N, C-alpha and C. Protein backbone atom coordinates (compact mmCIF):
# COMPACT_ATOMS: atom_id res chain seq x y z
N MET A 1 -18.06 68.42 36.50
CA MET A 1 -16.98 67.63 37.06
C MET A 1 -15.89 67.48 35.99
N ILE A 2 -14.66 67.56 36.43
CA ILE A 2 -13.53 67.43 35.53
C ILE A 2 -12.75 66.16 35.88
N ALA A 3 -12.48 65.35 34.88
CA ALA A 3 -11.66 64.16 35.04
C ALA A 3 -10.27 64.44 34.50
N HIS A 4 -9.26 64.13 35.30
CA HIS A 4 -7.87 64.21 34.85
C HIS A 4 -7.42 62.77 34.65
N ILE A 5 -7.07 62.43 33.42
CA ILE A 5 -6.77 61.04 33.06
C ILE A 5 -5.40 60.96 32.41
N ILE A 6 -4.64 59.96 32.81
CA ILE A 6 -3.37 59.64 32.16
C ILE A 6 -3.49 58.23 31.61
N TYR A 7 -3.35 58.09 30.30
CA TYR A 7 -3.34 56.78 29.65
C TYR A 7 -1.91 56.43 29.29
N THR A 8 -1.52 55.21 29.58
CA THR A 8 -0.20 54.73 29.19
C THR A 8 -0.36 53.49 28.32
N GLY A 9 0.72 53.15 27.65
CA GLY A 9 0.73 52.04 26.71
C GLY A 9 1.22 52.58 25.37
N GLN A 10 0.78 51.96 24.31
CA GLN A 10 1.13 52.44 22.97
C GLN A 10 0.03 53.40 22.53
N VAL A 11 0.05 54.60 23.13
CA VAL A 11 -1.03 55.56 22.91
C VAL A 11 -0.60 56.80 22.13
N GLN A 12 0.66 56.86 21.74
CA GLN A 12 1.11 57.94 20.87
C GLN A 12 1.40 57.37 19.48
N GLY A 13 1.09 58.17 18.47
CA GLY A 13 1.34 57.74 17.10
C GLY A 13 0.30 56.80 16.54
N VAL A 14 -0.86 56.73 17.21
CA VAL A 14 -1.92 55.81 16.76
C VAL A 14 -3.26 56.53 16.54
N GLY A 15 -3.23 57.88 16.55
CA GLY A 15 -4.46 58.65 16.36
C GLY A 15 -5.27 58.83 17.63
N PHE A 16 -4.64 58.62 18.78
CA PHE A 16 -5.34 58.68 20.06
C PHE A 16 -5.96 60.06 20.31
N ARG A 17 -5.17 61.12 20.11
CA ARG A 17 -5.66 62.47 20.39
C ARG A 17 -6.82 62.86 19.49
N TYR A 18 -6.72 62.53 18.22
CA TYR A 18 -7.79 62.90 17.28
C TYR A 18 -9.06 62.09 17.56
N THR A 19 -8.89 60.83 17.89
CA THR A 19 -10.04 60.00 18.24
C THR A 19 -10.68 60.50 19.53
N ALA A 20 -9.85 60.83 20.52
CA ALA A 20 -10.37 61.36 21.79
C ALA A 20 -11.16 62.64 21.54
N GLN A 21 -10.65 63.51 20.69
CA GLN A 21 -11.36 64.75 20.38
C GLN A 21 -12.71 64.46 19.73
N ASN A 22 -12.75 63.55 18.78
CA ASN A 22 -14.01 63.23 18.10
C ASN A 22 -15.02 62.62 19.07
N ILE A 23 -14.58 61.69 19.90
CA ILE A 23 -15.47 61.05 20.86
C ILE A 23 -15.96 62.08 21.88
N ALA A 24 -15.06 62.92 22.36
CA ALA A 24 -15.45 63.95 23.33
C ALA A 24 -16.51 64.87 22.75
N ARG A 25 -16.32 65.30 21.54
CA ARG A 25 -17.30 66.20 20.92
C ARG A 25 -18.65 65.52 20.73
N GLN A 26 -18.64 64.23 20.41
CA GLN A 26 -19.90 63.48 20.27
C GLN A 26 -20.66 63.40 21.59
N HIS A 27 -19.93 63.38 22.70
CA HIS A 27 -20.55 63.25 24.02
C HIS A 27 -20.71 64.58 24.74
N GLY A 28 -20.36 65.68 24.08
CA GLY A 28 -20.50 66.99 24.70
C GLY A 28 -19.49 67.26 25.80
N ILE A 29 -18.34 66.59 25.71
CA ILE A 29 -17.26 66.76 26.68
C ILE A 29 -16.39 67.93 26.24
N LYS A 30 -15.97 68.74 27.21
CA LYS A 30 -15.06 69.84 26.94
C LYS A 30 -13.74 69.55 27.63
N GLY A 31 -12.66 70.14 27.14
CA GLY A 31 -11.36 69.94 27.76
C GLY A 31 -10.26 69.86 26.72
N TRP A 32 -9.28 69.00 26.99
CA TRP A 32 -8.16 68.84 26.05
C TRP A 32 -7.46 67.51 26.24
N VAL A 33 -6.66 67.16 25.24
CA VAL A 33 -5.84 65.95 25.25
C VAL A 33 -4.48 66.31 24.68
N LYS A 34 -3.41 65.76 25.28
CA LYS A 34 -2.08 66.03 24.73
C LYS A 34 -1.14 64.88 25.06
N ASN A 35 -0.12 64.74 24.21
CA ASN A 35 0.95 63.78 24.45
C ASN A 35 1.87 64.30 25.53
N LEU A 36 2.37 63.38 26.36
CA LEU A 36 3.37 63.72 27.37
C LEU A 36 4.71 63.10 26.99
N PRO A 37 5.80 63.69 27.44
CA PRO A 37 7.11 63.09 27.18
C PRO A 37 7.16 61.67 27.76
N GLY A 38 7.77 60.78 27.03
CA GLY A 38 7.92 59.41 27.50
C GLY A 38 6.82 58.47 27.07
N GLY A 39 5.77 58.98 26.42
CA GLY A 39 4.77 58.10 25.84
C GLY A 39 3.34 58.17 26.34
N PRO A 40 3.05 58.68 27.56
CA PRO A 40 1.64 58.73 27.99
C PRO A 40 0.87 59.84 27.28
N VAL A 41 -0.44 59.77 27.43
CA VAL A 41 -1.34 60.81 26.94
C VAL A 41 -2.14 61.32 28.14
N GLU A 42 -2.26 62.64 28.22
CA GLU A 42 -2.99 63.29 29.32
C GLU A 42 -4.29 63.87 28.78
N VAL A 43 -5.35 63.69 29.56
CA VAL A 43 -6.68 64.18 29.18
C VAL A 43 -7.28 64.95 30.35
N TYR A 44 -7.81 66.13 30.08
CA TYR A 44 -8.69 66.84 31.00
C TYR A 44 -10.04 66.86 30.31
N ALA A 45 -11.03 66.25 30.94
CA ALA A 45 -12.35 66.13 30.33
C ALA A 45 -13.41 66.63 31.31
N ASP A 46 -14.27 67.52 30.84
CA ASP A 46 -15.30 68.11 31.69
C ASP A 46 -16.68 67.71 31.19
N GLY A 47 -17.48 67.17 32.09
CA GLY A 47 -18.85 66.79 31.76
C GLY A 47 -19.51 66.17 32.97
N THR A 48 -20.71 65.69 32.79
CA THR A 48 -21.38 64.98 33.87
C THR A 48 -20.69 63.64 34.07
N GLN A 49 -20.91 63.03 35.23
CA GLN A 49 -20.29 61.73 35.50
C GLN A 49 -20.70 60.72 34.44
N ARG A 50 -21.96 60.72 34.05
CA ARG A 50 -22.44 59.78 33.03
C ARG A 50 -21.73 60.01 31.70
N LYS A 51 -21.61 61.27 31.30
CA LYS A 51 -20.94 61.59 30.02
C LYS A 51 -19.45 61.23 30.08
N LEU A 52 -18.82 61.49 31.21
CA LEU A 52 -17.40 61.13 31.36
C LEU A 52 -17.21 59.62 31.28
N ASP A 53 -18.11 58.88 31.92
CA ASP A 53 -18.04 57.41 31.87
C ASP A 53 -18.21 56.90 30.45
N GLU A 54 -19.15 57.48 29.71
CA GLU A 54 -19.39 57.09 28.32
C GLU A 54 -18.18 57.41 27.45
N PHE A 55 -17.63 58.60 27.63
CA PHE A 55 -16.44 59.02 26.88
C PHE A 55 -15.29 58.05 27.12
N CYS A 56 -14.99 57.78 28.38
CA CYS A 56 -13.88 56.88 28.72
C CYS A 56 -14.13 55.48 28.17
N ALA A 57 -15.34 54.98 28.32
CA ALA A 57 -15.65 53.62 27.86
C ALA A 57 -15.46 53.50 26.35
N GLU A 58 -15.94 54.49 25.60
CA GLU A 58 -15.80 54.42 24.14
C GLU A 58 -14.34 54.56 23.72
N LEU A 59 -13.61 55.48 24.34
CA LEU A 59 -12.20 55.68 24.00
C LEU A 59 -11.39 54.43 24.35
N GLU A 60 -11.65 53.86 25.52
CA GLU A 60 -10.92 52.67 25.96
C GLU A 60 -11.27 51.44 25.14
N ASP A 61 -12.50 51.35 24.68
CA ASP A 61 -12.88 50.24 23.81
C ASP A 61 -12.17 50.36 22.46
N PHE A 62 -12.13 51.58 21.92
CA PHE A 62 -11.49 51.81 20.63
C PHE A 62 -10.00 51.47 20.68
N PHE A 63 -9.34 51.81 21.80
CA PHE A 63 -7.90 51.60 21.95
C PHE A 63 -7.57 50.47 22.93
N ARG A 64 -8.45 49.50 23.03
CA ARG A 64 -8.26 48.41 24.01
C ARG A 64 -6.95 47.67 23.83
N ASP A 65 -6.43 47.60 22.61
CA ASP A 65 -5.16 46.91 22.37
C ASP A 65 -3.94 47.81 22.61
N ASN A 66 -4.18 49.11 22.83
CA ASN A 66 -3.09 50.07 22.99
C ASN A 66 -2.90 50.54 24.43
N ILE A 67 -3.97 50.59 25.20
CA ILE A 67 -3.92 51.12 26.56
C ILE A 67 -3.48 50.02 27.51
N SER A 68 -2.42 50.30 28.28
CA SER A 68 -2.00 49.32 29.29
C SER A 68 -2.38 49.75 30.70
N ASP A 69 -2.59 51.07 30.90
CA ASP A 69 -2.95 51.54 32.24
C ASP A 69 -3.68 52.87 32.12
N LYS A 70 -4.52 53.14 33.11
CA LYS A 70 -5.27 54.39 33.19
C LYS A 70 -5.24 54.87 34.63
N GLN A 71 -4.87 56.12 34.81
CA GLN A 71 -4.95 56.75 36.13
C GLN A 71 -5.94 57.89 36.00
N ILE A 72 -6.94 57.91 36.88
CA ILE A 72 -7.98 58.94 36.80
C ILE A 72 -8.22 59.54 38.16
N SER A 73 -8.36 60.85 38.17
CA SER A 73 -8.76 61.56 39.38
C SER A 73 -9.80 62.60 38.96
N TYR A 74 -10.63 63.00 39.91
CA TYR A 74 -11.71 63.94 39.62
C TYR A 74 -11.49 65.24 40.38
N ILE A 75 -11.80 66.32 39.70
CA ILE A 75 -11.68 67.65 40.26
C ILE A 75 -13.07 68.25 40.24
N ASP A 76 -13.56 68.65 41.38
CA ASP A 76 -14.90 69.22 41.46
C ASP A 76 -14.80 70.74 41.44
N GLU A 77 -14.64 71.28 40.25
CA GLU A 77 -14.57 72.73 40.10
C GLU A 77 -15.23 73.13 38.80
N LYS A 78 -15.53 74.39 38.67
CA LYS A 78 -16.20 74.90 37.49
C LYS A 78 -15.23 74.91 36.30
N SER A 79 -15.71 74.42 35.19
CA SER A 79 -14.89 74.34 33.98
C SER A 79 -14.69 75.70 33.35
N GLN A 80 -13.55 75.85 32.72
CA GLN A 80 -13.28 77.04 31.92
C GLN A 80 -12.99 76.64 30.48
N PHE A 81 -13.32 75.40 30.13
CA PHE A 81 -13.07 74.91 28.79
C PHE A 81 -14.23 75.32 27.88
N GLY A 82 -13.91 75.76 26.67
CA GLY A 82 -14.95 76.14 25.73
C GLY A 82 -15.27 75.06 24.72
N ASP A 83 -14.36 74.10 24.53
CA ASP A 83 -14.50 73.06 23.53
C ASP A 83 -13.55 71.94 23.95
N PHE A 84 -13.39 70.92 23.11
CA PHE A 84 -12.39 69.90 23.37
C PHE A 84 -11.31 70.04 22.33
N ARG A 85 -10.10 70.28 22.77
CA ARG A 85 -9.00 70.59 21.86
C ARG A 85 -7.83 69.62 22.02
N ILE A 86 -7.01 69.60 21.01
CA ILE A 86 -5.77 68.82 21.04
C ILE A 86 -4.65 69.78 21.41
N GLY A 87 -3.95 69.45 22.48
CA GLY A 87 -2.80 70.25 22.92
C GLY A 87 -1.51 69.65 22.38
N TYR A 88 -0.49 70.46 22.31
CA TYR A 88 0.78 70.00 21.78
C TYR A 88 1.89 70.23 22.77
C-alpha cells in the first residue's frame, strides 16, 4: 500500500526530509519525500498499513510543533520504489 501525504506548517528548513528518510528506513518504508513550492512537504510512502501508521506517528511526534495539517490518501498499487529517498 502506498500513502500519499502532504504535510503543511513550518515543515521546510527544519530537517523534515532527512528525518523522514531516517524514520522510513528504520521502519522498512520505501518511497520519497520532497519540498513543494509554498512550504508543504510531500511524501510517498510504501509499506504495510501497520508500518505506514508507525512511520507517520513517529514523524508527526518528532515534528508535533511544526506540522499544522496533514492530508493523506492511499493508493492500492504495486510499488516501484527501491528505497526511501529525498527528492528535490
